[in-house]
Amino acid sequence: MKIADTSGQDTLVKKPSSTKRYWLSGLIVVVLVFIYLSVAPALSNWGASDTSISLQRLRLATVTMGDFVRDLSVQGRVVAAVSPRLYSPAQGTITFRVDAGDNVSKDQVLAVIDSPELSNELKQEQAGLQRLQMELDRERIESKKQGLDYQKSVDLAKVSLTAADREKRRADKAFATQSISQIDYEKPKMT
């Protein structure tokens, strides 16, 4: 009997070509570079933004003919001269109430300044005042409660004193009439 070897069953398997793998890797690298080049500027611009302004601080309006409103920051005072100028001690949006060349009188409002910073500061101070008023009211209530507790203690002490005085008078009367013994008479004095 002859045992046959397995050489007839073995077949040569071709290795997959490495060029296909290189093409696939190259395509992936090209796609990644393309994505990076298209997304990187947008991310860079987004990351470089330092300031954002809330929508509440923005004023949106349609353009119409009307009085001129300027946003400016100035300091100083009104100087009466040939060419008078109007200065503001605070920053904000200024709305003029008079025009150049108009006659003005003492204590007349010449311009109104709308300053978000000053408005916020005023609101903060008003909130602080309200908080302090609430604390004052709370302290008044606490003081009144403490006073009532003290009055209650005083009233209870007066009642106890009156009861002890009455008990002493009874004991004195009972001892004088020999109704109680000397030991019973001296017991309330010890406590």
Protein backbone atom coordinates (compact mmCIF):
# COMPACT_ATOMS: atom_id res chain seq x y z
CA MET A 1 0.00 0.00 0.00
CA LYS A 2 1.23 3.33 -1.00
CA ILE A 3 0.47 6.51 0.96
CA ALA A 4 0.18 9.48 -1.33
CA ASP A 5 1.51 12.81 -0.23
CA THR A 6 -0.55 15.96 -0.13
CA SER A 7 1.38 17.80 -2.77
CA GLY A 8 -1.46 17.43 -5.23
CA GLN A 9 -3.81 19.30 -2.96
CA ASP A 10 -1.58 22.33 -2.47
CA THR A 11 -2.20 25.21 -4.82
CA LEU A 12 -0.34 28.44 -5.12
CA VAL A 13 -2.33 31.44 -3.84
CA LYS A 14 -1.52 34.74 -5.45
CA LYS A 15 -0.75 37.61 -3.11
CA PRO A 16 -3.10 40.55 -3.62
CA SER A 17 -1.24 43.26 -5.41
CA SER A 18 0.11 45.94 -3.10
CA THR A 19 -0.56 48.66 -5.68
CA LYS A 20 -4.28 48.50 -4.93
CA ARG A 21 -3.56 49.08 -1.27
CA TYR A 22 -1.28 52.03 -2.12
CA TRP A 23 -3.97 53.57 -4.33
CA LEU A 24 -6.58 53.23 -1.55
CA SER A 25 -4.23 54.76 1.05
CA GLY A 26 -3.34 57.59 -1.32
CA LEU A 27 -7.03 58.30 -2.01
CA ILE A 28 -7.80 58.44 1.73
CA VAL A 29 -4.88 60.85 2.30
CA VAL A 30 -6.05 63.09 -0.56
CA VAL A 31 -9.64 63.17 0.82
CA LEU A 32 -8.37 64.01 4.32
CA VAL A 33 -6.15 66.82 2.98
CA PHE A 34 -9.09 68.20 0.98
CA ILE A 35 -11.36 68.15 4.04
CA TYR A 36 -8.68 69.83 6.15
CA LEU A 37 -8.07 72.55 3.56
CA SER A 38 -11.79 73.30 3.22
CA VAL A 39 -12.66 73.22 6.94
CA ALA A 40 -9.49 74.70 8.51
CA PRO A 41 -10.04 78.34 7.39
CA ALA A 42 -13.60 78.35 8.75
CA LEU A 43 -12.44 76.89 12.07
CA SER A 44 -9.55 79.34 12.19
CA ASN A 45 -11.85 82.33 11.63
CA TRP A 46 -14.31 81.00 14.19
CA GLY A 47 -11.58 80.38 16.78
CA ALA A 48 -9.98 83.80 16.24
CA SER A 49 -13.14 85.75 17.02
CA ASP A 50 -12.68 87.48 20.39
CA THR A 51 -15.79 89.53 20.76
CA SER A 52 -19.40 88.65 20.64
CA ILE A 53 -22.18 91.11 21.20
CA SER A 54 -25.51 90.09 22.64
CA LEU A 55 -28.62 90.77 20.62
CA GLN A 56 -30.00 92.92 23.45
CA ARG A 57 -27.20 95.47 22.96
CA LEU A 58 -27.83 95.77 19.23
CA ARG A 59 -30.31 98.29 17.94
CA LEU A 60 -31.94 97.40 14.68
CA ALA A 61 -34.07 99.91 12.80
CA THR A 62 -35.13 100.83 9.31
CA VAL A 63 -33.55 103.89 7.77
CA THR A 64 -35.93 106.86 7.57
CA MET A 65 -35.62 110.60 7.22
CA GLY A 66 -35.52 112.25 10.61
CA ASP A 67 -33.32 113.70 13.32
CA PHE A 68 -29.68 112.71 13.22
CA VAL A 69 -28.58 110.47 16.12
CA ARG A 70 -24.85 109.92 16.61
CA ASP A 71 -23.00 107.46 18.80
CA LEU A 72 -20.08 109.22 20.41
CA SER A 73 -17.93 109.34 23.48
CA VAL A 74 -16.93 112.79 24.70
CA GLN A 75 -16.16 114.63 27.90
CA GLY A 76 -16.50 118.29 28.74
CA ARG A 77 -19.24 120.95 28.94
CA VAL A 78 -21.25 123.37 26.85
CA VAL A 79 -19.10 126.35 25.87
CA ALA A 80 -20.92 129.48 24.69
CA ALA A 81 -18.87 130.92 21.87
CA VAL A 82 -19.14 131.79 18.23
CA SER A 83 -19.25 128.09 17.41
CA PRO A 84 -20.68 126.37 20.51
CA ARG A 85 -20.01 122.68 21.10
CA LEU A 86 -21.90 120.20 23.23
CA TYR A 87 -19.92 117.63 25.21
CA SER A 88 -21.05 114.60 27.20
CA PRO A 89 -19.48 113.29 30.44
CA ALA A 90 -20.56 109.70 29.67
CA GLN A 91 -20.44 107.23 26.80
CA GLY A 92 -23.57 106.22 24.93
CA THR A 93 -25.97 107.23 22.21
CA ILE A 94 -26.74 110.93 22.26
CA THR A 95 -29.96 112.44 20.92
CA PHE A 96 -29.93 116.22 20.50
CA ARG A 97 -33.02 118.12 21.71
CA VAL A 98 -31.92 121.41 20.12
CA ASP A 99 -30.33 122.29 16.81
CA ALA A 100 -27.27 124.45 16.26
CA GLY A 101 -28.27 128.12 16.40
CA ASP A 102 -31.41 127.60 18.54
CA ASN A 103 -31.92 129.85 21.55
CA VAL A 104 -31.69 127.96 24.80
CA SER A 105 -32.58 128.87 28.36
CA LYS A 106 -31.09 127.90 31.69
CA ASP A 107 -31.80 124.30 32.80
CA GLN A 108 -33.15 123.38 29.34
CA VAL A 109 -32.35 119.81 28.26
CA LEU A 110 -30.01 120.04 25.29
CA ALA A 111 -29.36 116.34 24.68
CA VAL A 112 -30.25 112.95 26.10
CA ILE A 113 -27.60 110.24 26.46
CA ASP A 114 -28.66 106.60 26.43
CA SER A 115 -25.79 104.69 28.02
CA PRO A 116 -26.16 100.91 28.45
CA GLU A 117 -23.31 100.83 31.01
CA LEU A 118 -24.87 103.54 33.16
CA SER A 119 -28.32 101.92 32.85
CA ASN A 120 -26.87 98.58 33.99
CA GLU A 121 -25.03 100.25 36.87
CA LEU A 122 -28.26 101.98 37.94
CA LYS A 123 -30.14 98.66 37.84
CA GLN A 124 -27.40 96.98 39.89
CA GLU A 125 -27.51 99.72 42.51
CA GLN A 126 -31.32 99.55 42.64
CA ALA A 127 -31.11 95.78 43.13
CA GLY A 128 -28.55 96.33 45.92
CA LEU A 129 -30.84 98.88 47.57
CA GLN A 130 -33.77 96.49 47.38
CA ARG A 131 -31.64 93.70 48.89
CA LEU A 132 -30.54 95.97 51.75
CA GLN A 133 -34.14 97.06 52.39
CA MET A 134 -35.21 93.41 52.56
CA GLU A 135 -32.39 92.68 55.01
CA LEU A 136 -33.45 95.68 57.13
CA ASP A 137 -37.06 94.44 57.17
CA ARG A 138 -35.85 90.95 58.08
CA GLU A 139 -33.76 92.38 60.94
CA ARG A 140 -36.74 94.41 62.18
CA ILE A 141 -38.90 91.29 62.21
CA GLU A 142 -36.14 89.34 63.98
CA SER A 143 -35.72 92.13 66.54
CA LYS A 144 -39.47 92.24 67.18
CA LYS A 145 -39.54 88.44 67.56
CA GLN A 146 -36.61 88.59 70.00
CA GLY A 147 -38.36 91.35 71.97
CA LEU A 148 -41.51 89.22 72.21
CA ASP A 149 -39.42 86.24 73.40
CA TYR A 150 -37.85 88.42 76.09
CA GLN A 151 -41.27 89.76 77.14
CA LYS A 152 -42.55 86.18 77.34
CA SER A 153 -39.61 85.22 79.59
CA VAL A 154 -40.24 88.26 81.81
CA ASP A 155 -43.96 87.44 82.06
CA LEU A 156 -43.21 83.79 82.94
CA ALA A 157 -40.71 84.94 85.58
CA LYS A 158 -43.33 87.30 87.06
CA VAL A 159 -45.89 84.47 87.19
CA SER A 160 -43.34 82.18 88.88
CA LEU A 161 -42.42 84.94 91.35
CA THR A 162 -46.08 85.58 92.16
CA ALA A 163 -46.71 81.83 92.64
CA ALA A 164 -43.64 81.50 94.90
CA ASP A 165 -44.69 84.55 96.93
CA ARG A 166 -48.20 83.13 97.35
CA GLU A 167 -46.79 79.75 98.35
CA LYS A 168 -44.51 81.43 100.93
CA ARG A 169 -47.42 83.35 102.45
CA ARG A 170 -49.44 80.13 102.70
CA ALA A 171 -46.50 78.33 104.31
CA ASP A 172 -45.97 81.22 106.79
CA LYS A 173 -49.65 81.22 107.73
CA ALA A 174 -49.74 77.43 108.04
CA PHE A 175 -46.58 77.39 110.20
CA ALA A 176 -47.92 80.19 112.39
CA THR A 177 -51.07 78.17 113.07
CA GLN A 178 -48.99 75.01 113.58
CA SER A 179 -50.74 73.30 110.58
CA ILE A 180 -47.46 72.09 109.08
CA SER A 181 -44.23 70.88 110.62
CA GLN A 182 -40.94 72.76 110.68
CA ILE A 183 -39.47 70.39 108.01
CA ASP A 184 -42.38 71.00 105.61
CA TYR A 185 -42.09 74.72 106.26
CA GLU A 186 -38.36 74.82 105.41
CA LYS A 187 -38.62 72.61 102.25
CA PRO A 188 -39.83 75.40 99.90
CA LYS A 189 -37.10 77.73 101.19
CA MET A 190 -34.39 75.25 100.16
CA THR A 191 -35.55 74.96 96.53
